[in-house]
Amino acid sequence: MSSTSAPAHLPLWERAVTYGAIGATQDEDLLRYTPKGYRAIERKVRIGHGEERWHHAWTETLSLGIQRRSGFRVKRIESPAEVLENTYSPVTFDDDGVPVQPATLDDGDQVYADTGAQLVRQGDTAILLLGWGVLSLRIPVRVVYVVDEPNRRGFAYGTLPGHPESGEEAFVVERRDDDSVWLTIRAFSRPAAPWLWLGYPVLRLFQAIFTSRYEHALTRPLPARPLSSGR
């Protein structure tokens, strides 16, 4: 359930997202069937080719590297272990209906890539910070689902109370049959409060700027690293 009026004394990890259509960014027809009252966007961009680019793309995506590379500082909010243990993660299937095994490593408490990068889990909470000091903009989000398939990985987060918008944004990287690597960004949003509609053109400009940054975040030269045989 969503809530726009959760008690202010509750810790951030305990507060509900501020919208109802949780997981709607998974729908390929999001642009056609956008949740009522929301504006949707979808961007697909080719970010490179080959195993090294693929490995870099999915590890950066699942460790919130896209956000960091786009100008945000990321502060993760620790949730009690029992909260994450009771979070339902749906099973995914390949084209033949066979369950897809997760591609990442799970030690029971945290999830890591083979590089040691800490990856997001469904139910994780974070604050994206833009700017410094008293003028810093705090953007709280909750990971609402994770995609972890052999050739398709990413996640979506939803807005929490305190976010200037209400909605959801997904970041999914895919390695196609020709070994090209693509990033898909899919989102739907609207101002989180009636008075914020007065600044809606500014919010849309802000969203457009950062969507463009997201699109280019994974296209930079690759860092040197040993090739991995299993990922």
C-alpha atoms as a PDB file:
ATOM      1  CA  MET A   1       0.000   0.000   0.000  1.00  0.00           C
ATOM      2  CA  SER A   2       1.064   3.557  -0.586  1.00  0.00           C
ATOM      3  CA  SER A   3       0.793   6.371   1.874  1.00  0.00           C
ATOM      4  CA  THR A   4       1.294  10.106   1.569  1.00  0.00           C
ATOM      5  CA  SER A   5       0.685  10.786   5.263  1.00  0.00           C
ATOM      6  CA  ALA A   6       2.841   8.284   7.151  1.00  0.00           C
ATOM      7  CA  PRO A   7       3.644   9.492  10.684  1.00  0.00           C
ATOM      8  CA  ALA A   8       6.737  11.674  10.601  1.00  0.00           C
ATOM      9  CA  HIS A   9       8.252   9.906  13.609  1.00  0.00           C
ATOM     10  CA  LEU A  10       8.543   6.590  11.758  1.00  0.00           C
ATOM     11  CA  PRO A  11      12.061   5.699  10.526  1.00  0.00           C
ATOM     12  CA  LEU A  12      12.446   5.979   6.775  1.00  0.00           C
ATOM     13  CA  TRP A  13      12.755   2.216   6.235  1.00  0.00           C
ATOM     14  CA  GLU A  14       9.309   1.781   7.832  1.00  0.00           C
ATOM     15  CA  ARG A  15       7.477   4.369   5.742  1.00  0.00           C
ATOM     16  CA  ALA A  16       5.465   3.317   2.692  1.00  0.00           C
ATOM     17  CA  VAL A  17       6.007   4.490  -0.865  1.00  0.00           C
ATOM     18  CA  THR A  18       3.846   7.399  -1.989  1.00  0.00           C
ATOM     19  CA  TYR A  19       2.057   5.808  -4.943  1.00  0.00           C
ATOM     20  CA  GLY A  20      -0.118   2.799  -5.644  1.00  0.00           C
ATOM     21  CA  ALA A  21       0.971   1.259  -8.960  1.00  0.00           C
ATOM     22  CA  ILE A  22       3.996  -0.535  -7.519  1.00  0.00           C
ATOM     23  CA  GLY A  23       5.937  -2.430 -10.191  1.00  0.00           C
ATOM     24  CA  ALA A  24       4.191  -0.765 -13.147  1.00  0.00           C
ATOM     25  CA  THR A  25       7.558   0.047 -14.767  1.00  0.00           C
ATOM     26  CA  GLN A  26       7.867  -3.669 -15.574  1.00  0.00           C
ATOM     27  CA  ASP A  27       5.007  -3.316 -18.069  1.00  0.00           C
ATOM     28  CA  GLU A  28       6.215  -3.059 -21.668  1.00  0.00           C
ATOM     29  CA  ASP A  29       3.039  -1.050 -22.396  1.00  0.00           C
ATOM     30  CA  LEU A  30       3.721   1.563 -19.716  1.00  0.00           C
ATOM     31  CA  LEU A  31       3.621   4.433 -22.206  1.00  0.00           C
ATOM     32  CA  ARG A  32       0.273   3.256 -23.518  1.00  0.00           C
ATOM     33  CA  TYR A  33      -1.270   2.294 -20.177  1.00  0.00           C
ATOM     34  CA  THR A  34       0.247   4.803 -17.768  1.00  0.00           C
ATOM     35  CA  PRO A  35      -1.188   4.860 -14.221  1.00  0.00           C
ATOM     36  CA  LYS A  36      -3.937   7.468 -14.087  1.00  0.00           C
ATOM     37  CA  GLY A  37      -2.699  10.941 -13.283  1.00  0.00           C
ATOM     38  CA  TYR A  38       0.945  10.163 -14.031  1.00  0.00           C
ATOM     39  CA  ARG A  39       3.299  10.986 -16.881  1.00  0.00           C
ATOM     40  CA  ALA A  40       5.465   8.146 -18.208  1.00  0.00           C
ATOM     41  CA  ILE A  41       8.786   8.116 -20.037  1.00  0.00           C
ATOM     42  CA  GLU A  42      10.914   5.384 -21.610  1.00  0.00           C
ATOM     43  CA  ARG A  43      14.447   5.630 -22.944  1.00  0.00           C
ATOM     44  CA  LYS A  44      16.538   2.900 -24.587  1.00  0.00           C
ATOM     45  CA  VAL A  45      20.206   3.543 -25.320  1.00  0.00           C
ATOM     46  CA  ARG A  46      23.024   1.313 -26.577  1.00  0.00           C
ATOM     47  CA  ILE A  47      25.896   1.638 -24.111  1.00  0.00           C
ATOM     48  CA  GLY A  48      28.476  -0.676 -25.629  1.00  0.00           C
ATOM     49  CA  HIS A  49      29.376  -4.177 -26.672  1.00  0.00           C
ATOM     50  CA  GLY A  50      30.944  -7.292 -25.218  1.00  0.00           C
ATOM     51  CA  GLU A  51      31.498  -9.058 -21.913  1.00  0.00           C
ATOM     52  CA  GLU A  52      33.487  -6.318 -20.179  1.00  0.00           C
ATOM     53  CA  ARG A  53      30.902  -3.654 -20.980  1.00  0.00           C
ATOM     54  CA  TRP A  54      28.098  -5.959 -19.866  1.00  0.00           C
ATOM     55  CA  HIS A  55      29.804  -6.789 -16.577  1.00  0.00           C
ATOM     56  CA  HIS A  56      30.546  -3.141 -15.884  1.00  0.00           C
ATOM     57  CA  ALA A  57      26.995  -2.105 -16.794  1.00  0.00           C
ATOM     58  CA  TRP A  58      25.122  -4.502 -14.558  1.00  0.00           C
ATOM     59  CA  THR A  59      27.418  -4.148 -11.547  1.00  0.00           C
ATOM     60  CA  GLU A  60      27.218  -0.366 -11.733  1.00  0.00           C
ATOM     61  CA  THR A  61      23.453  -0.459 -12.202  1.00  0.00           C
ATOM     62  CA  LEU A  62      22.748  -2.809  -9.308  1.00  0.00           C
ATOM     63  CA  SER A  63      25.108  -0.940  -6.963  1.00  0.00           C
ATOM     64  CA  LEU A  64      23.483   2.479  -7.649  1.00  0.00           C
ATOM     65  CA  GLY A  65      26.475   3.478  -9.745  1.00  0.00           C
ATOM     66  CA  ILE A  66      24.278   5.180 -12.341  1.00  0.00           C
ATOM     67  CA  GLN A  67      23.038   7.584  -9.691  1.00  0.00           C
ATOM     68  CA  ARG A  68      26.532   8.275  -8.344  1.00  0.00           C
ATOM     69  CA  ARG A  69      27.919   8.829 -11.836  1.00  0.00           C
ATOM     70  CA  SER A  70      25.073  11.279 -12.516  1.00  0.00           C
ATOM     71  CA  GLY A  71      25.891  13.603  -9.638  1.00  0.00           C
ATOM     72  CA  PHE A  72      24.083  12.121  -6.629  1.00  0.00           C
ATOM     73  CA  ARG A  73      25.596  11.038  -3.366  1.00  0.00           C
ATOM     74  CA  VAL A  74      23.930   7.868  -2.135  1.00  0.00           C
ATOM     75  CA  LYS A  75      23.182   7.181   1.518  1.00  0.00           C
ATOM     76  CA  ARG A  76      21.842   3.706   2.217  1.00  0.00           C
ATOM     77  CA  ILE A  77      19.435   3.294   5.124  1.00  0.00           C
ATOM     78  CA  GLU A  78      19.847   0.032   7.013  1.00  0.00           C
ATOM     79  CA  SER A  79      16.649  -1.965   7.499  1.00  0.00           C
ATOM     80  CA  PRO A  80      16.154  -4.710  10.113  1.00  0.00           C
ATOM     81  CA  ALA A  81      17.080  -8.125   8.728  1.00  0.00           C
ATOM     82  CA  GLU A  82      13.592  -9.501   9.350  1.00  0.00           C
ATOM     83  CA  VAL A  83      12.087  -6.845   7.074  1.00  0.00           C
ATOM     84  CA  LEU A  84      14.206  -7.903   4.113  1.00  0.00           C
ATOM     85  CA  GLU A  85      13.796 -11.612   4.888  1.00  0.00           C
ATOM     86  CA  ASN A  86      10.022 -11.264   4.575  1.00  0.00           C
ATOM     87  CA  THR A  87      10.195  -9.354   1.300  1.00  0.00           C
ATOM     88  CA  TYR A  88       8.769 -11.385  -1.561  1.00  0.00           C
ATOM     89  CA  SER A  89      10.972 -11.622  -4.654  1.00  0.00           C
ATOM     90  CA  PRO A  90       9.139 -13.098  -7.647  1.00  0.00           C
ATOM     91  CA  VAL A  91      10.649 -15.986  -9.595  1.00  0.00           C
ATOM     92  CA  THR A  92      11.466 -15.201 -13.225  1.00  0.00           C
ATOM     93  CA  PHE A  93      11.411 -17.672 -16.109  1.00  0.00           C
ATOM     94  CA  ASP A  94      13.160 -18.054 -19.448  1.00  0.00           C
ATOM     95  CA  ASP A  95      11.381 -18.452 -22.800  1.00  0.00           C
ATOM     96  CA  ASP A  96      10.893 -22.183 -22.144  1.00  0.00           C
ATOM     97  CA  GLY A  97       9.291 -21.629 -18.757  1.00  0.00           C
ATOM     98  CA  VAL A  98      12.329 -22.766 -16.772  1.00  0.00           C
ATOM     99  CA  PRO A  99      13.002 -20.762 -13.571  1.00  0.00           C
ATOM    100  CA  VAL A 100      15.964 -18.430 -13.960  1.00  0.00           C
ATOM    101  CA  GLN A 101      18.609 -18.750 -11.271  1.00  0.00           C
ATOM    102  CA  PRO A 102      19.853 -15.429  -9.816  1.00  0.00           C
ATOM    103  CA  ALA A 103      23.202 -14.400 -11.240  1.00  0.00           C
ATOM    104  CA  THR A 104      24.501 -12.636  -8.148  1.00  0.00           C
ATOM    105  CA  LEU A 105      25.922 -13.913  -4.874  1.00  0.00           C
ATOM    106  CA  ASP A 106      23.934 -13.741  -1.624  1.00  0.00           C
ATOM    107  CA  ASP A 107      25.533 -14.254   1.784  1.00  0.00           C
ATOM    108  CA  GLY A 108      22.175 -14.112   3.566  1.00  0.00           C
ATOM    109  CA  ASP A 109      22.543 -10.516   4.718  1.00  0.00           C
ATOM    110  CA  GLN A 110      23.900  -8.632   1.720  1.00  0.00           C
ATOM    111  CA  VAL A 111      24.149  -9.269  -2.010  1.00  0.00           C
ATOM    112  CA  TYR A 112      27.439  -8.781  -3.828  1.00  0.00           C
ATOM    113  CA  ALA A 113      28.821  -8.905  -7.332  1.00  0.00           C
ATOM    114  CA  ASP A 114      32.025 -10.846  -7.944  1.00  0.00           C
ATOM    115  CA  THR A 115      33.857  -7.484  -7.838  1.00  0.00           C
ATOM    116  CA  GLY A 116      32.802  -7.021  -4.222  1.00  0.00           C
ATOM    117  CA  ALA A 117      30.289  -4.280  -5.045  1.00  0.00           C
ATOM    118  CA  GLN A 118      27.289  -4.295  -2.687  1.00  0.00           C
ATOM    119  CA  LEU A 119      24.135  -4.691  -4.756  1.00  0.00           C
ATOM    120  CA  VAL A 120      20.632  -3.489  -4.027  1.00  0.00           C
ATOM    121  CA  ARG A 121      17.937  -5.822  -2.723  1.00  0.00           C
ATOM    122  CA  GLN A 122      14.196  -5.545  -2.960  1.00  0.00           C
ATOM    123  CA  GLY A 123      13.109  -3.568   0.095  1.00  0.00           C
ATOM    124  CA  ASP A 124      16.331  -1.538   0.407  1.00  0.00           C
ATOM    125  CA  THR A 125      15.925   2.138   1.278  1.00  0.00           C
ATOM    126  CA  ALA A 126      18.268   4.953   0.263  1.00  0.00           C
ATOM    127  CA  ILE A 127      18.490   8.727   0.157  1.00  0.00           C
ATOM    128  CA  LEU A 128      19.861  10.375  -2.985  1.00  0.00           C
ATOM    129  CA  LEU A 129      21.602  13.621  -2.067  1.00  0.00           C
ATOM    130  CA  LEU A 130      22.181  16.501  -4.453  1.00  0.00           C
ATOM    131  CA  GLY A 131      24.148  19.549  -3.362  1.00  0.00           C
ATOM    132  CA  TRP A 132      25.856  20.183  -0.057  1.00  0.00           C
ATOM    133  CA  GLY A 133      25.055  21.504   3.386  1.00  0.00           C
ATOM    134  CA  VAL A 134      21.706  23.064   4.225  1.00  0.00           C
ATOM    135  CA  LEU A 135      20.922  23.433   0.520  1.00  0.00           C
ATOM    136  CA  SER A 136      21.306  19.711  -0.115  1.00  0.00           C
ATOM    137  CA  LEU A 137      18.260  18.128  -1.738  1.00  0.00           C
ATOM    138  CA  ARG A 138      17.272  14.832  -0.090  1.00  0.00           C
ATOM    139  CA  ILE A 139      15.455  12.339  -2.334  1.00  0.00           C
ATOM    140  CA  PRO A 140      14.332   9.200  -0.438  1.00  0.00           C
ATOM    141  CA  VAL A 141      13.596   6.029  -2.428  1.00  0.00           C
ATOM    142  CA  ARG A 142      12.742   2.365  -1.856  1.00  0.00           C
ATOM    143  CA  VAL A 143      13.817  -0.519  -4.109  1.00  0.00           C
ATOM    144  CA  VAL A 144      10.540  -2.160  -5.145  1.00  0.00           C
ATOM    145  CA  TYR A 145      11.868  -4.943  -7.383  1.00  0.00           C
ATOM    146  CA  VAL A 146      15.126  -6.366  -8.704  1.00  0.00           C
ATOM    147  CA  VAL A 147      15.701  -8.032 -12.087  1.00  0.00           C
ATOM    148  CA  ASP A 148      18.440 -10.689 -11.866  1.00  0.00           C
ATOM    149  CA  GLU A 149      18.582 -12.817 -15.009  1.00  0.00           C
ATOM    150  CA  PRO A 150      21.625 -14.074 -16.962  1.00  0.00           C
ATOM    151  CA  ASN A 151      21.314 -11.408 -19.682  1.00  0.00           C
ATOM    152  CA  ARG A 152      19.005  -8.851 -18.086  1.00  0.00           C
ATOM    153  CA  ARG A 153      19.640  -7.122 -14.749  1.00  0.00           C
ATOM    154  CA  GLY A 154      18.497  -4.020 -12.958  1.00  0.00           C
ATOM    155  CA  PHE A 155      16.017  -2.645 -10.469  1.00  0.00           C
ATOM    156  CA  ALA A 156      13.331  -0.058  -9.833  1.00  0.00           C
ATOM    157  CA  TYR A 157      12.843   2.290  -6.936  1.00  0.00           C
ATOM    158  CA  GLY A 158       9.733   4.098  -5.784  1.00  0.00           C
ATOM    159  CA  THR A 159       9.343   7.441  -4.085  1.00  0.00           C
ATOM    160  CA  LEU A 160       9.071   7.850  -0.307  1.00  0.00           C
ATOM    161  CA  PRO A 161       7.658  10.751   1.746  1.00  0.00           C
ATOM    162  CA  GLY A 162       9.935  13.757   1.278  1.00  0.00           C
ATOM    163  CA  HIS A 163      10.542  13.084  -2.417  1.00  0.00           C
ATOM    164  CA  PRO A 164       9.352  16.010  -4.602  1.00  0.00           C
ATOM    165  CA  GLU A 165       7.708  13.559  -6.975  1.00  0.00           C
ATOM    166  CA  SER A 166       5.467  10.537  -6.626  1.00  0.00           C
ATOM    167  CA  GLY A 167       6.156   7.526  -8.816  1.00  0.00           C
ATOM    168  CA  GLU A 168       8.655   4.890  -9.848  1.00  0.00           C
ATOM    169  CA  GLU A 169      11.799   4.650 -11.975  1.00  0.00           C
ATOM    170  CA  ALA A 170      13.477   1.532 -13.363  1.00  0.00           C
ATOM    171  CA  PHE A 171      17.012   0.960 -14.676  1.00  0.00           C
ATOM    172  CA  VAL A 172      17.558  -2.321 -16.552  1.00  0.00           C
ATOM    173  CA  VAL A 173      20.592  -3.347 -18.611  1.00  0.00           C
ATOM    174  CA  GLU A 174      20.374  -6.088 -21.213  1.00  0.00           C
ATOM    175  CA  ARG A 175      22.904  -8.062 -23.244  1.00  0.00           C
ATOM    176  CA  ARG A 176      21.375  -8.990 -26.588  1.00  0.00           C
ATOM    177  CA  ASP A 177      22.149 -11.890 -28.926  1.00  0.00           C
ATOM    178  CA  ASP A 178      24.609  -9.778 -30.950  1.00  0.00           C
ATOM    179  CA  ASP A 179      26.502  -9.050 -27.674  1.00  0.00           C
ATOM    180  CA  SER A 180      25.427  -5.406 -27.675  1.00  0.00           C
ATOM    181  CA  VAL A 181      24.576  -3.931 -24.274  1.00  0.00           C
ATOM    182  CA  TRP A 182      21.567  -1.681 -23.757  1.00  0.00           C
ATOM    183  CA  LEU A 183      20.160   0.404 -20.929  1.00  0.00           C
ATOM    184  CA  THR A 184      16.423   0.907 -20.577  1.00  0.00           C
ATOM    185  CA  ILE A 185      15.077   3.633 -18.298  1.00  0.00           C
ATOM    186  CA  ARG A 186      11.362   3.542 -17.648  1.00  0.00           C
ATOM    187  CA  ALA A 187       9.489   5.808 -15.235  1.00  0.00           C
ATOM    188  CA  PHE A 188       6.175   7.358 -14.308  1.00  0.00           C
ATOM    189  CA  SER A 189       5.783  10.343 -12.026  1.00  0.00           C
ATOM    190  CA  ARG A 190       3.838  13.401 -10.938  1.00  0.00           C
ATOM    191  CA  PRO A 191       4.423  16.127  -8.301  1.00  0.00           C
ATOM    192  CA  ALA A 192       4.125  14.711  -4.794  1.00  0.00           C
ATOM    193  CA  ALA A 193       2.008  17.566  -3.404  1.00  0.00           C
ATOM    194  CA  PRO A 194      -0.554  19.999  -4.864  1.00  0.00           C
ATOM    195  CA  TRP A 195       1.674  23.045  -4.319  1.00  0.00           C
ATOM    196  CA  LEU A 196       4.480  21.361  -6.257  1.00  0.00           C
ATOM    197  CA  TRP A 197       2.357  21.520  -9.416  1.00  0.00           C
ATOM    198  CA  LEU A 198       3.262  25.233  -9.455  1.00  0.00           C
ATOM    199  CA  GLY A 199       6.841  24.193 -10.111  1.00  0.00           C
ATOM    200  CA  TYR A 200       6.011  21.293 -12.447  1.00  0.00           C
ATOM    201  CA  PRO A 201       7.940  22.751 -15.431  1.00  0.00           C
ATOM    202  CA  VAL A 202      11.033  22.896 -13.196  1.00  0.00           C
ATOM    203  CA  LEU A 203      10.494  19.298 -12.046  1.00  0.00           C
ATOM    204  CA  ARG A 204      10.183  18.141 -15.654  1.00  0.00           C
ATOM    205  CA  LEU A 205      13.371  19.985 -16.611  1.00  0.00           C
ATOM    206  CA  PHE A 206      15.158  18.444 -13.628  1.00  0.00           C
ATOM    207  CA  GLN A 207      13.937  14.993 -14.670  1.00  0.00           C
ATOM    208  CA  ALA A 208      15.038  15.516 -18.294  1.00  0.00           C
ATOM    209  CA  ILE A 209      18.528  16.625 -17.235  1.00  0.00           C
ATOM    210  CA  PHE A 210      19.087  13.645 -14.984  1.00  0.00           C
ATOM    211  CA  THR A 211      17.572  11.160 -17.427  1.00  0.00           C
ATOM    212  CA  SER A 212      20.155  12.377 -19.947  1.00  0.00           C
ATOM    213  CA  ARG A 213      22.900  11.920 -17.355  1.00  0.00           C
ATOM    214  CA  TYR A 214      21.648   8.419 -16.591  1.00  0.00           C
ATOM    215  CA  GLU A 215      21.776   7.551 -20.300  1.00  0.00           C
ATOM    216  CA  HIS A 216      25.459   8.498 -20.487  1.00  0.00           C
ATOM    217  CA  ALA A 217      26.549   7.207 -17.062  1.00  0.00           C
ATOM    218  CA  LEU A 218      27.550   3.761 -18.339  1.00  0.00           C
ATOM    219  CA  THR A 219      29.176   4.778 -21.620  1.00  0.00           C
ATOM    220  CA  ARG A 220      32.459   6.060 -20.190  1.00  0.00           C
ATOM    221  CA  PRO A 221      35.764   4.186 -20.718  1.00  0.00           C
ATOM    222  CA  LEU A 222      35.884   0.931 -18.813  1.00  0.00           C
ATOM    223  CA  PRO A 223      38.059   0.605 -15.711  1.00  0.00           C
ATOM    224  CA  ALA A 224      40.805  -2.007 -15.914  1.00  0.00           C
ATOM    225  CA  ARG A 225      39.828  -5.290 -14.252  1.00  0.00           C
ATOM    226  CA  PRO A 226      40.510  -9.026 -14.655  1.00  0.00           C
ATOM    227  CA  LEU A 227      38.005 -10.762 -16.909  1.00  0.00           C
ATOM    228  CA  SER A 228      35.420 -12.876 -15.074  1.00  0.00           C
ATOM    229  CA  SER A 229      34.595 -16.312 -16.403  1.00  0.00           C
ATOM    230  CA  GLY A 230      31.186 -16.836 -14.834  1.00  0.00           C
ATOM    231  CA  ARG A 231      29.352 -13.520 -14.962  1.00  0.00           C
END
